[in-house]
Protein backbone atom coordinates (compact mmCIF):
# COMPACT_ATOMS: atom_id res chain seq x y z
CA MET A 1 36.92 19.12 -1.52
CA THR A 2 40.42 18.14 -0.45
CA LEU A 3 42.35 16.22 -3.12
CA ARG A 4 43.55 12.74 -2.19
CA LEU A 5 46.85 12.22 -4.00
CA ALA A 6 48.67 8.98 -4.70
CA PRO A 7 52.20 8.67 -3.22
CA ASP A 8 53.76 8.36 -6.69
CA PRO A 9 55.87 10.85 -8.69
CA ALA A 10 52.79 12.40 -10.29
CA GLY A 11 51.04 12.84 -6.94
CA LEU A 12 54.16 14.27 -5.31
CA THR A 13 54.60 16.73 -8.19
CA VAL A 14 51.05 18.00 -7.71
CA ALA A 15 51.61 18.24 -3.95
CA ALA A 16 54.87 20.19 -4.37
CA ASP A 17 53.22 22.58 -6.85
CA LEU A 18 50.42 23.21 -4.35
CA LEU A 19 52.96 23.99 -1.63
CA ARG A 20 54.74 26.46 -3.93
CA ALA A 21 51.39 28.12 -4.59
CA GLY A 22 50.94 28.69 -0.85
CA ASP A 23 48.41 25.91 -0.34
CA LEU A 24 48.29 23.35 2.48
CA VAL A 25 49.14 19.71 1.85
CA ALA A 26 48.98 16.90 4.41
CA PHE A 27 51.55 14.14 4.06
CA PRO A 28 52.69 11.05 5.94
CA THR A 29 55.74 10.76 8.14
CA GLU A 30 56.73 7.80 10.27
CA THR A 31 55.18 9.54 13.30
CA VAL A 32 51.83 11.07 12.22
CA TYR A 33 50.50 12.89 9.16
CA GLY A 34 51.79 16.46 8.99
CA LEU A 35 49.93 19.49 7.66
CA GLY A 36 52.54 21.02 5.38
CA ALA A 37 53.07 24.58 4.19
CA ASP A 38 55.99 26.49 2.72
CA ALA A 39 57.84 27.50 5.91
CA CYS A 40 59.04 30.73 4.26
CA ASN A 41 55.57 31.89 3.21
CA ASP A 42 53.79 33.91 5.91
CA THR A 43 50.38 33.54 4.29
CA ALA A 44 50.75 29.79 3.85
CA VAL A 45 51.86 29.33 7.47
CA ALA A 46 48.96 31.47 8.66
CA GLY A 47 46.75 29.06 6.75
CA ILE A 48 47.98 26.22 8.99
CA TYR A 49 46.84 28.09 12.09
CA ALA A 50 43.50 28.90 10.45
CA ALA A 51 42.84 25.34 9.27
CA LYS A 52 43.77 23.83 12.62
CA GLY A 53 42.29 26.56 14.83
CA ARG A 54 45.73 26.53 16.46
CA PRO A 55 46.84 29.10 19.10
CA SER A 56 49.35 31.45 17.46
CA PHE A 57 51.78 31.15 20.38
CA ASN A 58 52.33 27.44 19.73
CA PRO A 59 55.38 27.01 17.44
CA LEU A 60 55.63 24.65 14.46
CA ILE A 61 58.18 22.02 13.38
CA VAL A 62 60.02 22.48 10.10
CA HIS A 63 60.75 19.32 8.10
CA VAL A 64 63.88 19.07 5.95
CA PRO A 65 65.38 16.13 3.99
CA ASP A 66 68.78 15.88 5.70
CA ILE A 67 71.24 17.33 8.20
CA ALA A 68 72.97 19.45 5.58
CA THR A 69 69.71 21.22 4.79
CA ALA A 70 68.95 21.71 8.49
CA ARG A 71 72.26 23.58 8.86
CA ARG A 72 70.95 26.26 6.48
CA TYR A 73 68.31 27.25 9.01
CA VAL A 74 69.70 26.52 12.50
CA VAL A 75 73.02 26.57 14.36
CA PHE A 76 74.16 23.17 15.61
CA ASN A 77 76.05 22.58 18.85
CA ASP A 78 77.73 19.41 20.14
CA VAL A 79 74.48 18.03 21.60
CA ALA A 80 72.68 18.52 18.29
CA GLU A 81 75.54 16.95 16.34
CA GLN A 82 75.44 13.82 18.50
CA LEU A 83 71.67 13.40 18.45
CA ALA A 84 71.26 14.15 14.74
CA ALA A 85 74.01 11.70 13.80
CA ALA A 86 72.39 8.97 15.89
CA PHE A 87 68.65 9.52 15.26
CA TRP A 88 68.14 11.35 11.94
CA PRO A 89 66.27 10.56 9.86
CA GLY A 90 63.79 9.65 12.56
CA ALA A 91 61.23 10.68 15.16
CA LEU A 92 63.40 13.34 16.82
CA THR A 93 62.92 17.11 16.64
CA LEU A 94 65.74 19.40 17.73
CA VAL A 95 65.16 22.98 18.93
CA LEU A 96 68.14 25.11 17.93
CA PRO A 97 69.05 28.80 17.40
CA LEU A 98 67.56 30.17 14.19
CA ARG A 99 70.03 31.62 11.69
CA ARG A 100 69.47 35.29 10.94
CA ASP A 101 69.36 34.66 7.21
CA ALA A 102 67.16 31.55 7.47
CA GLY A 103 64.16 33.19 5.78
CA ILE A 104 61.74 31.21 7.94
CA SER A 105 58.38 32.87 8.63
CA LYS A 106 58.12 34.33 12.14
CA LEU A 107 54.75 32.60 12.38
CA VAL A 108 56.60 29.27 12.36
CA THR A 109 58.69 30.15 15.42
CA ALA A 110 55.87 32.00 17.21
CA GLY A 111 58.31 34.87 17.65
CA LEU A 112 61.03 32.77 19.33
CA SER A 113 64.72 32.93 18.39
CA THR A 114 64.81 29.15 18.01
CA LEU A 115 63.46 26.74 15.40
CA ALA A 116 62.17 23.19 15.86
CA VAL A 117 63.51 21.07 12.99
CA ARG A 118 63.55 17.41 12.05
CA VAL A 119 64.39 14.97 9.25
CA PRO A 120 61.50 12.51 8.75
CA ASP A 121 62.11 8.83 8.09
CA HIS A 122 59.37 8.10 5.58
CA PRO A 123 59.76 7.56 1.83
CA VAL A 124 56.67 9.57 0.92
CA GLY A 125 57.54 12.44 3.26
CA GLN A 126 61.09 12.43 1.90
CA GLY A 127 59.72 12.29 -1.64
CA LEU A 128 57.61 15.39 -1.06
CA LEU A 129 60.53 17.29 0.50
CA ALA A 130 62.66 16.42 -2.53
CA ALA A 131 59.94 17.47 -4.97
CA PHE A 132 59.29 20.75 -3.14
CA ASP A 133 62.99 21.49 -2.45
CA GLY A 134 62.38 23.78 0.52
CA PRO A 135 61.58 23.76 4.24
CA VAL A 136 58.09 22.53 5.08
CA ALA A 137 56.38 23.63 8.30
CA ALA A 138 54.15 20.77 9.38
CA PRO A 139 52.31 20.25 12.66
CA SER A 140 50.01 17.25 12.93
CA ALA A 141 47.23 17.38 10.33
CA ASN A 142 44.26 17.67 12.69
CA ILE A 143 42.08 20.30 14.32
CA SER A 144 44.11 21.81 17.18
CA GLY A 145 43.67 19.93 20.43
CA ARG A 146 42.07 16.93 18.76
CA ILE A 147 43.46 13.46 18.03
CA SER A 148 46.51 13.34 15.78
CA PRO A 149 46.03 11.55 12.42
CA THR A 150 47.86 8.37 11.47
CA THR A 151 46.01 7.69 8.20
CA ALA A 152 44.84 9.84 5.29
CA ALA A 153 41.26 9.02 6.31
CA HIS A 154 41.87 10.65 9.70
CA VAL A 155 43.10 13.78 7.93
CA ILE A 156 40.06 13.92 5.66
CA ALA A 157 37.71 13.38 8.61
CA GLY A 158 39.00 16.51 10.34
CA LEU A 159 40.18 18.81 7.56
CA ASP A 160 38.23 17.95 4.39
CA GLY A 161 37.59 21.18 2.48
CA LYS A 162 39.99 23.15 4.70
CA ILE A 163 43.22 22.08 2.96
CA ALA A 164 44.18 21.59 -0.68
CA ALA A 165 45.33 17.96 -0.60
CA VAL A 166 46.53 14.95 1.34
CA VAL A 167 49.12 12.52 0.01
CA ASP A 168 47.89 9.06 0.98
CA GLY A 169 50.92 7.10 2.10
CA GLY A 170 49.09 4.54 4.22
CA ALA A 171 49.24 4.17 7.99
CA CYS A 172 52.09 5.73 9.97
CA THR A 173 54.42 3.17 11.54
CA VAL A 174 55.38 4.95 14.77
CA GLY A 175 51.99 6.54 15.48
CA LEU A 176 53.27 9.08 18.03
CA GLU A 177 54.68 12.53 17.35
CA SER A 178 58.42 13.07 17.44
CA THR A 179 60.36 13.48 20.64
CA ILE A 180 61.40 17.14 21.01
CA VAL A 181 64.72 18.11 22.58
CA ALA A 182 66.18 21.57 23.17
CA CYS A 183 69.93 21.36 22.78
CA ASP A 184 71.40 24.04 25.07
CA PRO A 185 71.37 22.32 27.50
CA ALA A 186 69.86 18.99 26.43
CA THR A 187 66.27 19.25 27.65
CA LEU A 188 63.28 17.04 26.90
CA LEU A 189 60.40 19.27 25.79
CA ARG A 190 58.04 16.54 24.56
CA ALA A 191 58.17 12.78 24.95
CA GLY A 192 57.61 11.01 21.67
CA GLY A 193 58.60 8.33 19.21
CA ILE A 194 62.18 7.98 20.49
CA PRO A 195 62.40 7.11 24.21
CA ALA A 196 64.29 9.56 26.41
CA GLU A 197 66.42 6.66 27.64
CA ALA A 198 67.85 6.20 24.14
CA LEU A 199 68.70 9.89 23.90
CA SER A 200 70.33 9.88 27.33
CA SER A 201 72.36 6.81 26.39
CA CYS A 202 73.60 8.56 23.26
CA LEU A 203 74.66 11.66 25.18
CA GLY A 204 76.03 9.82 28.20
CA HIS A 205 73.85 11.72 30.67
CA ALA A 206 70.21 12.29 31.55
CA LEU A 207 68.18 15.00 29.88
CA ALA A 208 66.67 17.87 31.83
CA LEU A 209 62.86 18.04 31.72
CA ASP A 210 60.57 20.92 30.72
CA LEU A 211 57.38 19.22 29.56
CA THR A 212 54.62 21.75 30.32
CA PRO A 213 56.03 25.28 30.42
CA GLN A 214 53.94 28.43 30.92
CA ASN A 215 54.87 29.58 27.41
CA PRO A 216 55.31 26.70 24.94
CA GLN A 217 58.76 26.37 23.36
CA ALA A 218 57.68 23.49 21.14
CA PRO A 219 54.55 21.81 19.78
CA GLY A 220 52.53 19.53 22.04
CA GLN A 221 53.25 21.40 25.29
CA LEU A 222 49.72 22.70 25.87
CA ALA A 223 48.05 21.13 28.92
CA SER A 224 44.94 20.03 26.99
CA HIS A 225 45.75 18.37 23.70
CA TYR A 226 45.12 15.20 21.65
CA ALA A 227 41.56 15.11 23.07
CA PRO A 228 38.71 12.90 21.86
CA VAL A 229 35.13 14.12 22.17
CA GLY A 230 34.45 12.04 25.28
CA THR A 231 35.92 12.63 28.73
CA VAL A 232 38.98 10.53 29.59
CA ARG A 233 39.86 8.84 32.90
CA LEU A 234 43.30 7.25 33.28
CA ASN A 235 44.84 4.28 35.14
CA VAL A 236 41.50 2.48 35.41
CA THR A 237 41.41 -1.18 36.42
CA ALA A 238 37.62 -1.34 36.90
CA PRO A 239 35.68 0.90 34.50
CA ALA A 240 32.28 2.24 35.50
CA PRO A 241 29.24 0.87 33.64
CA HIS A 242 28.89 4.07 31.60
CA GLU A 243 32.57 4.10 30.54
CA THR A 244 34.11 2.58 27.41
CA LEU A 245 37.42 0.90 28.24
CA LEU A 246 40.52 1.51 26.15
CA GLY A 247 42.56 -1.45 27.27
CA PHE A 248 46.22 -2.36 27.52
CA GLY A 249 47.47 -5.86 28.24
CA PRO A 250 45.30 -8.92 28.98
CA VAL A 251 42.03 -7.12 29.75
CA ASP A 252 38.56 -7.45 28.23
CA ALA A 253 37.93 -4.20 26.37
CA PRO A 254 36.10 -3.08 23.21
CA LEU A 255 39.40 -1.61 22.04
CA ASN A 256 42.83 -2.70 23.25
CA LEU A 257 46.03 -0.79 22.47
CA SER A 258 48.01 -4.01 22.79
CA PRO A 259 46.59 -7.20 24.29
CA ALA A 260 50.19 -8.46 24.56
CA GLY A 261 51.29 -5.40 26.52
CA ASP A 262 53.65 -4.27 23.73
CA LEU A 263 54.37 -0.53 24.04
CA ILE A 264 55.44 -0.22 20.39
CA GLU A 265 52.12 -1.71 19.25
CA ALA A 266 50.26 0.53 21.73
CA ALA A 267 51.99 3.66 20.43
CA ALA A 268 51.13 2.79 16.84
CA ASN A 269 47.47 2.16 17.77
CA LEU A 270 46.87 5.06 20.18
CA PHE A 271 45.54 7.82 17.94
CA ASP A 272 43.65 5.47 15.63
CA MET A 273 41.82 3.96 18.60
CA LEU A 274 40.98 7.40 19.98
CA HIS A 275 39.47 8.15 16.57
CA GLN A 276 37.53 4.87 16.79
CA LEU A 277 36.20 5.87 20.22
CA ASP A 278 34.91 9.10 18.69
CA ALA A 279 33.27 7.11 15.88
CA MET A 280 31.64 4.84 18.49
CA GLY A 281 30.21 7.89 20.25
CA ALA A 282 32.03 7.10 23.52
CA ALA A 283 31.04 9.86 25.96
CA ALA A 284 33.20 8.58 28.84
CA ILE A 285 36.47 6.76 28.20
CA ALA A 286 38.44 4.75 30.77
CA VAL A 287 42.04 3.82 30.01
CA SER A 288 43.95 0.88 31.47
CA PRO A 289 47.22 1.59 33.31
CA ILE A 290 50.23 1.83 30.98
CA PRO A 291 53.81 1.42 32.22
CA GLN A 292 55.70 4.69 32.64
CA ALA A 293 58.81 3.48 30.83
CA GLY A 294 60.16 3.60 27.28
CA LEU A 295 57.43 4.57 24.81
CA GLY A 296 54.98 4.37 27.72
CA VAL A 297 56.21 7.81 28.80
CA ALA A 298 55.08 9.32 25.49
CA ILE A 299 51.81 7.36 25.48
CA ASN A 300 50.97 8.49 29.01
CA ASP A 301 51.91 12.07 28.12
CA ARG A 302 49.39 12.07 25.26
CA LEU A 303 46.72 10.47 27.44
CA ARG A 304 47.23 12.97 30.29
CA ARG A 305 46.73 15.83 27.84
CA ALA A 306 43.68 14.09 26.37
CA ALA A 307 42.26 13.82 29.90
CA ALA A 308 43.10 17.41 30.97
CA PRO A 309 40.33 19.92 31.71
CA ARG A 310 39.16 21.70 28.55
């Protein structure tokens, strides 16, 4: 069975030792729980793909403790300098040229010449990075294409027996994956925990968009992703009798992302409520309209992928 470790020094020491041994360890970040492996160990990284059932052409994000460490693995430009200074640590992933001597497994980059890297803003995630003292490749800790985990229980429900351990750091505060930006030029690859408007304001200009490319440059760009077991129908104001409504705003629904219409609350609740819909056995899910602004862009992105043909 998968070990459930406490987020204390003893638990983090065990988790770091497991990573050094090439094992997989799930851990909390402010966005979602990540499924960590030593990013320099080909066998360990291959284990991520095996545990998740993840397509090998879909690259992974590497987590590091600070900007200085990130510079060991990627080459920064002016765009990256501005965004990292403003939003790291935080829910922002930057895609940058990989250094030749980085030592990162080619399985992490899916054969690309770039690396997706971020500095998480979570004390337990930071504690594990410090204890391990190396780059940690970590996609979301779930079966590929399924709902991302925001609690240790979600991780165990999907990956128990498939990974060595999970560090239980409680519920994630953001509840959406990181925003991903390519930096040459500044291009939004995935909407996420930091709204694009904030990034554009920092840079002084709008970002280009490349959200669903033919060949993924970053995680989360597959058309069907984040899917519950049941079918999903979006922008529903009047659900059919056979549908279970996932509400937003002042609507009567078994589950409501935010009765007050708060996008931050909705983002934090999204994946947990999709898990709850699975637990309820919801075969057909209707989702209330959600504003396409701020964090609503990321929420709608996840819901569109959840609703995509499988």
